[in-house]
C-alpha atoms as a PDB file:
ATOM      1  CA  MET A   1      36.107 -93.565  -9.496  1.00  0.00           C
ATOM      2  CA  ARG A   2      33.815 -90.937  -9.103  1.00  0.00           C
ATOM      3  CA  ASP A   3      34.233 -87.551 -10.741  1.00  0.00           C
ATOM      4  CA  TYR A   4      34.070 -84.925  -8.103  1.00  0.00           C
ATOM      5  CA  LYS A   5      33.793 -82.046 -10.472  1.00  0.00           C
ATOM      6  CA  LYS A   6      30.619 -80.276 -10.023  1.00  0.00           C
ATOM      7  CA  SER A   7      28.819 -78.381 -12.649  1.00  0.00           C
ATOM      8  CA  PRO A   8      28.855 -74.618 -12.146  1.00  0.00           C
ATOM      9  CA  ALA A   9      26.080 -73.385  -9.892  1.00  0.00           C
ATOM     10  CA  LYS A  10      23.304 -71.517 -11.592  1.00  0.00           C
ATOM     11  CA  PRO A  11      22.655 -68.102 -10.084  1.00  0.00           C
ATOM     12  CA  ARG A  12      19.473 -68.086  -8.125  1.00  0.00           C
ATOM     13  CA  ARG A  13      16.947 -65.439  -8.915  1.00  0.00           C
ATOM     14  CA  ARG A  14      15.157 -63.692  -6.180  1.00  0.00           C
ATOM     15  CA  PRO A  15      11.457 -63.859  -6.515  1.00  0.00           C
ATOM     16  CA  GLY A  16      10.201 -60.466  -7.764  1.00  0.00           C
ATOM     17  CA  PRO A  17       6.975 -58.782  -6.874  1.00  0.00           C
ATOM     18  CA  LYS A  18       3.960 -60.600  -8.031  1.00  0.00           C
ATOM     19  CA  THR A  19       2.242 -58.777 -10.850  1.00  0.00           C
ATOM     20  CA  THR A  20      -1.480 -58.466 -10.636  1.00  0.00           C
ATOM     21  CA  GLY A  21      -1.968 -57.929 -14.307  1.00  0.00           C
ATOM     22  CA  ALA A  22      -2.779 -54.207 -13.917  1.00  0.00           C
ATOM     23  CA  LYS A  23      -0.646 -51.880 -15.964  1.00  0.00           C
ATOM     24  CA  PRO A  24       0.723 -48.681 -14.354  1.00  0.00           C
ATOM     25  CA  GLY A  25      -0.389 -46.586 -17.322  1.00  0.00           C
ATOM     26  CA  ARG A  26      -4.028 -47.330 -16.555  1.00  0.00           C
ATOM     27  CA  ALA A  27      -3.740 -45.915 -13.049  1.00  0.00           C
ATOM     28  CA  TYR A  28      -2.190 -42.732 -14.417  1.00  0.00           C
ATOM     29  CA  VAL A  29      -4.912 -42.287 -17.044  1.00  0.00           C
ATOM     30  CA  THR A  30      -7.644 -43.002 -14.492  1.00  0.00           C
ATOM     31  CA  GLY A  31      -6.242 -40.348 -12.123  1.00  0.00           C
ATOM     32  CA  LEU A  32      -5.907 -37.836 -14.926  1.00  0.00           C
ATOM     33  CA  VAL A  33      -9.475 -38.330 -16.150  1.00  0.00           C
ATOM     34  CA  SER A  34     -10.930 -38.125 -12.640  1.00  0.00           C
ATOM     35  CA  GLY A  35      -8.908 -34.935 -11.935  1.00  0.00           C
ATOM     36  CA  ILE A  36     -10.197 -33.255 -15.089  1.00  0.00           C
ATOM     37  CA  ALA A  37     -13.774 -34.282 -14.297  1.00  0.00           C
ATOM     38  CA  LEU A  38     -13.486 -32.916 -10.753  1.00  0.00           C
ATOM     39  CA  THR A  39     -12.017 -29.631 -12.022  1.00  0.00           C
ATOM     40  CA  LEU A  40     -14.854 -29.147 -14.494  1.00  0.00           C
ATOM     41  CA  LEU A  41     -17.405 -29.944 -11.812  1.00  0.00           C
ATOM     42  CA  ILE A  42     -15.912 -27.392  -9.420  1.00  0.00           C
ATOM     43  CA  GLN A  43     -15.715 -24.677 -12.078  1.00  0.00           C
ATOM     44  CA  ASN A  44     -19.346 -25.194 -13.081  1.00  0.00           C
ATOM     45  CA  TRP A  45     -20.660 -25.883  -9.600  1.00  0.00           C
ATOM     46  CA  GLU A  46     -23.422 -23.214  -9.556  1.00  0.00           C
ATOM     47  CA  PRO A  47     -25.462 -24.567 -12.516  1.00  0.00           C
ATOM     48  CA  VAL A  48     -24.934 -28.163 -11.387  1.00  0.00           C
ATOM     49  CA  ARG A  49     -26.035 -27.367  -7.832  1.00  0.00           C
ATOM     50  CA  ASP A  50     -29.108 -25.484  -9.037  1.00  0.00           C
ATOM     51  CA  GLN A  51     -30.049 -28.360 -11.284  1.00  0.00           C
ATOM     52  CA  LEU A  52     -29.594 -30.931  -8.514  1.00  0.00           C
ATOM     53  CA  MET A  53     -31.385 -28.933  -5.815  1.00  0.00           C
ATOM     54  CA  ARG A  54     -34.325 -27.697  -7.883  1.00  0.00           C
ATOM     55  CA  PRO A  55     -37.586 -29.500  -7.189  1.00  0.00           C
ATOM     56  CA  ALA A  56     -38.856 -31.525 -10.143  1.00  0.00           C
ATOM     57  CA  ALA A  57     -42.292 -29.821 -10.257  1.00  0.00           C
ATOM     58  CA  VAL A  58     -40.946 -26.283 -10.636  1.00  0.00           C
ATOM     59  CA  GLN A  59     -40.500 -25.069 -14.187  1.00  0.00           C
ATOM     60  CA  PRO A  60     -38.056 -22.371 -15.155  1.00  0.00           C
ATOM     61  CA  GLU A  61     -39.413 -18.860 -14.925  1.00  0.00           C
ATOM     62  CA  THR A  62     -40.216 -17.002 -18.105  1.00  0.00           C
ATOM     63  CA  PRO A  63     -40.854 -13.297 -18.278  1.00  0.00           C
ATOM     64  CA  ALA A  64     -44.577 -12.573 -18.119  1.00  0.00           C
ATOM     65  CA  THR A  65     -44.433  -9.656 -20.499  1.00  0.00           C
ATOM     66  CA  LYS A  66     -41.902  -8.682 -23.033  1.00  0.00           C
ATOM     67  CA  PRO A  67     -41.131  -4.971 -23.021  1.00  0.00           C
ATOM     68  CA  ASN A  68     -42.032  -3.309 -26.251  1.00  0.00           C
ATOM     69  CA  GLU A  69     -39.214  -1.645 -28.074  1.00  0.00           C
ATOM     70  CA  SER A  70     -41.389   1.411 -28.562  1.00  0.00           C
ATOM     71  CA  GLU A  71     -41.716   1.994 -24.808  1.00  0.00           C
ATOM     72  CA  GLU A  72     -39.383   4.670 -23.517  1.00  0.00           C
ATOM     73  CA  VAL A  73     -37.069   3.746 -20.689  1.00  0.00           C
ATOM     74  CA  THR A  74     -36.834   6.320 -17.930  1.00  0.00           C
ATOM     75  CA  PHE A  75     -34.059   6.616 -15.424  1.00  0.00           C
ATOM     76  CA  GLU A  76     -34.765   7.928 -11.959  1.00  0.00           C
ATOM     77  CA  PHE A  77     -31.249   9.033 -11.086  1.00  0.00           C
ATOM     78  CA  TYR A  78     -31.662  12.174 -13.183  1.00  0.00           C
ATOM     79  CA  THR A  79     -34.261  13.387 -10.713  1.00  0.00           C
ATOM     80  CA  ARG A  80     -32.873  11.811  -7.537  1.00  0.00           C
ATOM     81  CA  LEU A  81     -29.250  12.961  -7.785  1.00  0.00           C
ATOM     82  CA  PRO A  82     -29.926  16.724  -7.731  1.00  0.00           C
ATOM     83  CA  GLN A  83     -32.011  16.185  -4.586  1.00  0.00           C
ATOM     84  CA  MET A  84     -29.088  14.378  -2.926  1.00  0.00           C
ATOM     85  CA  GLU A  85     -26.491  17.071  -3.568  1.00  0.00           C
ATOM     86  CA  VAL A  86     -24.666  18.284  -0.499  1.00  0.00           C
ATOM     87  CA  PRO A  87     -22.971  21.649  -0.738  1.00  0.00           C
ATOM     88  CA  VAL A  88     -19.357  21.653   0.395  1.00  0.00           C
ATOM     89  CA  ASP A  89     -18.020  24.789   1.996  1.00  0.00           C
ATOM     90  CA  THR A  90     -14.568  25.454   0.546  1.00  0.00           C
ATOM     91  CA  ARG A  91     -14.492  29.030   1.729  1.00  0.00           C
ATOM     92  CA  ARG A  92     -12.843  28.001   5.014  1.00  0.00           C
ATOM     93  CA  ASP A  93      -9.794  26.696   3.188  1.00  0.00           C
ATOM     94  CA  GLN A  94      -9.611  29.751   0.970  1.00  0.00           C
ATOM     95  CA  ILE A  95      -9.962  32.096   3.949  1.00  0.00           C
ATOM     96  CA  ARG A  96      -7.193  30.233   5.804  1.00  0.00           C
ATOM     97  CA  ASP A  97      -4.916  30.464   2.756  1.00  0.00           C
ATOM     98  CA  ASP A  98      -5.766  34.156   2.250  1.00  0.00           C
ATOM     99  CA  LYS A  99      -5.041  34.905   5.909  1.00  0.00           C
ATOM    100  CA  GLU A 100      -1.611  33.327   5.592  1.00  0.00           C
ATOM    101  CA  PRO A 101      -0.289  34.590   2.269  1.00  0.00           C
ATOM    102  CA  GLY A 102       3.073  34.353   3.959  1.00  0.00           C
ATOM    103  CA  LYS A 103       6.456  35.459   2.916  1.00  0.00           C
ATOM    104  CA  TYR A 104       7.278  32.088   1.399  1.00  0.00           C
ATOM    105  CA  LEU A 105       6.441  29.835  -1.512  1.00  0.00           C
ATOM    106  CA  TYR A 106       6.808  26.068  -1.238  1.00  0.00           C
ATOM    107  CA  MET A 107       8.311  23.710  -3.816  1.00  0.00           C
ATOM    108  CA  LEU A 108       9.053  20.010  -4.025  1.00  0.00           C
ATOM    109  CA  GLN A 109      12.280  18.777  -5.537  1.00  0.00           C
ATOM    110  CA  ALA A 110      11.832  15.248  -6.863  1.00  0.00           C
ATOM    111  CA  GLY A 111      15.377  14.774  -8.097  1.00  0.00           C
ATOM    112  CA  SER A 112      18.658  16.254  -9.277  1.00  0.00           C
ATOM    113  CA  PHE A 113      20.496  14.547 -12.138  1.00  0.00           C
ATOM    114  CA  ASP A 114      23.742  14.862 -14.069  1.00  0.00           C
ATOM    115  CA  LYS A 115      22.062  13.816 -17.310  1.00  0.00           C
ATOM    116  CA  GLN A 116      19.197  15.674 -18.967  1.00  0.00           C
ATOM    117  CA  ALA A 117      17.622  12.361 -20.078  1.00  0.00           C
ATOM    118  CA  ASP A 118      17.222  11.174 -16.473  1.00  0.00           C
ATOM    119  CA  ALA A 119      15.516  14.427 -15.525  1.00  0.00           C
ATOM    120  CA  GLU A 120      13.197  14.153 -18.536  1.00  0.00           C
ATOM    121  CA  ARG A 121      12.313  10.573 -17.568  1.00  0.00           C
ATOM    122  CA  LEU A 122      11.297  11.645 -14.048  1.00  0.00           C
ATOM    123  CA  LYS A 123       9.347  14.606 -15.428  1.00  0.00           C
ATOM    124  CA  ALA A 124       7.423  12.224 -17.726  1.00  0.00           C
ATOM    125  CA  GLN A 125       6.725   9.867 -14.812  1.00  0.00           C
ATOM    126  CA  LEU A 126       5.336  12.787 -12.795  1.00  0.00           C
ATOM    127  CA  ALA A 127       3.245  13.879 -15.779  1.00  0.00           C
ATOM    128  CA  LEU A 128       1.662  10.427 -15.892  1.00  0.00           C
ATOM    129  CA  LEU A 129       0.649  10.978 -12.262  1.00  0.00           C
ATOM    130  CA  GLY A 130      -0.950  14.315 -13.190  1.00  0.00           C
ATOM    131  CA  GLU A 131       1.743  16.565 -11.731  1.00  0.00           C
ATOM    132  CA  VAL A 132       3.428  19.366 -13.659  1.00  0.00           C
ATOM    133  CA  ALA A 133       7.183  19.435 -13.136  1.00  0.00           C
ATOM    134  CA  VAL A 134       9.846  21.886 -14.270  1.00  0.00           C
ATOM    135  CA  ILE A 135      13.487  21.112 -15.019  1.00  0.00           C
ATOM    136  CA  GLN A 136      16.020  23.706 -13.865  1.00  0.00           C
ATOM    137  CA  LYS A 137      19.613  23.737 -15.105  1.00  0.00           C
ATOM    138  CA  VAL A 138      22.022  24.714 -12.348  1.00  0.00           C
ATOM    139  CA  THR A 139      25.809  24.782 -12.263  1.00  0.00           C
ATOM    140  CA  VAL A 140      27.218  23.467  -8.987  1.00  0.00           C
ATOM    141  CA  ASN A 141      31.023  23.351  -8.505  1.00  0.00           C
ATOM    142  CA  GLY A 142      31.530  23.476 -12.261  1.00  0.00           C
ATOM    143  CA  ALA A 143      29.115  20.598 -12.967  1.00  0.00           C
ATOM    144  CA  THR A 144      25.737  21.090 -14.631  1.00  0.00           C
ATOM    145  CA  MET A 145      22.839  19.572 -12.680  1.00  0.00           C
ATOM    146  CA  HIS A 146      19.233  19.146 -13.822  1.00  0.00           C
ATOM    147  CA  ARG A 147      16.733  19.619 -10.983  1.00  0.00           C
ATOM    148  CA  VAL A 148      13.176  18.321 -11.287  1.00  0.00           C
ATOM    149  CA  ARG A 149      10.838  20.514  -9.243  1.00  0.00           C
ATOM    150  CA  LEU A 150       7.104  20.800  -8.649  1.00  0.00           C
ATOM    151  CA  GLY A 151       5.372  23.971  -7.612  1.00  0.00           C
ATOM    152  CA  PRO A 152       5.365  26.676  -6.434  1.00  0.00           C
ATOM    153  CA  PHE A 153       2.619  26.072  -3.879  1.00  0.00           C
ATOM    154  CA  ASN A 154       1.066  28.927  -1.900  1.00  0.00           C
ATOM    155  CA  SER A 155       0.540  26.905   1.260  1.00  0.00           C
ATOM    156  CA  SER A 156       2.306  24.087   3.032  1.00  0.00           C
ATOM    157  CA  ARG A 157      -0.964  22.104   3.098  1.00  0.00           C
ATOM    158  CA  LYS A 158      -1.014  21.904  -0.692  1.00  0.00           C
ATOM    159  CA  LEU A 159       2.645  20.920  -0.663  1.00  0.00           C
ATOM    160  CA  ASP A 160       1.933  18.159   1.883  1.00  0.00           C
ATOM    161  CA  ALA A 161      -0.928  16.768  -0.203  1.00  0.00           C
ATOM    162  CA  VAL A 162       1.281  16.445  -3.297  1.00  0.00           C
ATOM    163  CA  ASN A 163       4.195  15.149  -1.201  1.00  0.00           C
ATOM    164  CA  HIS A 164       2.079  12.359   0.345  1.00  0.00           C
ATOM    165  CA  ARG A 165       0.823  11.346  -3.085  1.00  0.00           C
ATOM    166  CA  LEU A 166       4.368  11.065  -4.430  1.00  0.00           C
ATOM    167  CA  ILE A 167       5.469   9.118  -1.352  1.00  0.00           C
ATOM    168  CA  ARG A 168       2.686   6.593  -2.056  1.00  0.00           C
ATOM    169  CA  GLU A 169       4.087   6.269  -5.584  1.00  0.00           C
ATOM    170  CA  GLU A 170       7.553   5.700  -4.042  1.00  0.00           C
ATOM    171  CA  ILE A 171       9.062   8.874  -5.485  1.00  0.00           C
ATOM    172  CA  PRO A 172      11.366  10.508  -2.929  1.00  0.00           C
ATOM    173  CA  THR A 173      10.975  14.273  -2.589  1.00  0.00           C
ATOM    174  CA  MET A 174      12.506  17.173  -0.720  1.00  0.00           C
ATOM    175  CA  ALA A 175      10.384  20.117   0.423  1.00  0.00           C
ATOM    176  CA  LEU A 176      11.796  23.581  -0.218  1.00  0.00           C
ATOM    177  CA  LYS A 177      10.749  26.874   1.357  1.00  0.00           C
ATOM    178  CA  ILE A 178      11.574  29.786  -0.928  1.00  0.00           C
ATOM    179  CA  PRO A 179      11.147  33.492  -0.054  1.00  0.00           C
ATOM    180  CA  ARG A 180       8.295  35.040  -2.039  1.00  0.00           C
ATOM    181  CA  PRO A 181       9.567  37.546  -4.585  1.00  0.00           C
ATOM    182  CA  ASP A 182       8.308  41.073  -3.927  1.00  0.00           C
END
């Protein structure tokens, strides 16, 4: 009789991708080298372009004469600048300010703080911007406050100029109109 037992089936392997013999590391290295070469070419494009575009017959220029160290160098701007001066009439602004001495002085308050250190920090920040600030101690409802103020300014135009500068520096301010002491 015949034995009907079959031998166990061997698992079939699926055919994998055919390898071409190229290694993936070579492609990476080739891309890296070509990227570096392209970067260097782009960074140094001006000298390379000049060298490629220059006609073969032209030789690089050399200075015809070398300046002697004993020759004195003269600058023309010393004589030209005084001729270009334009006088600016500031009397109009002074006359306008003198006409309006006003009953008021103007001040800017840049902040009011509980702590002296915070007020000092803002005063230092304003000093770095070229503005002179004063810290006033004031007692409000039993609490001591430290006000940082700039001024006094004689005219509102001067106050506006400083205010706009501080706004550009993102420092919030409050304009104050104070009666002029007699």
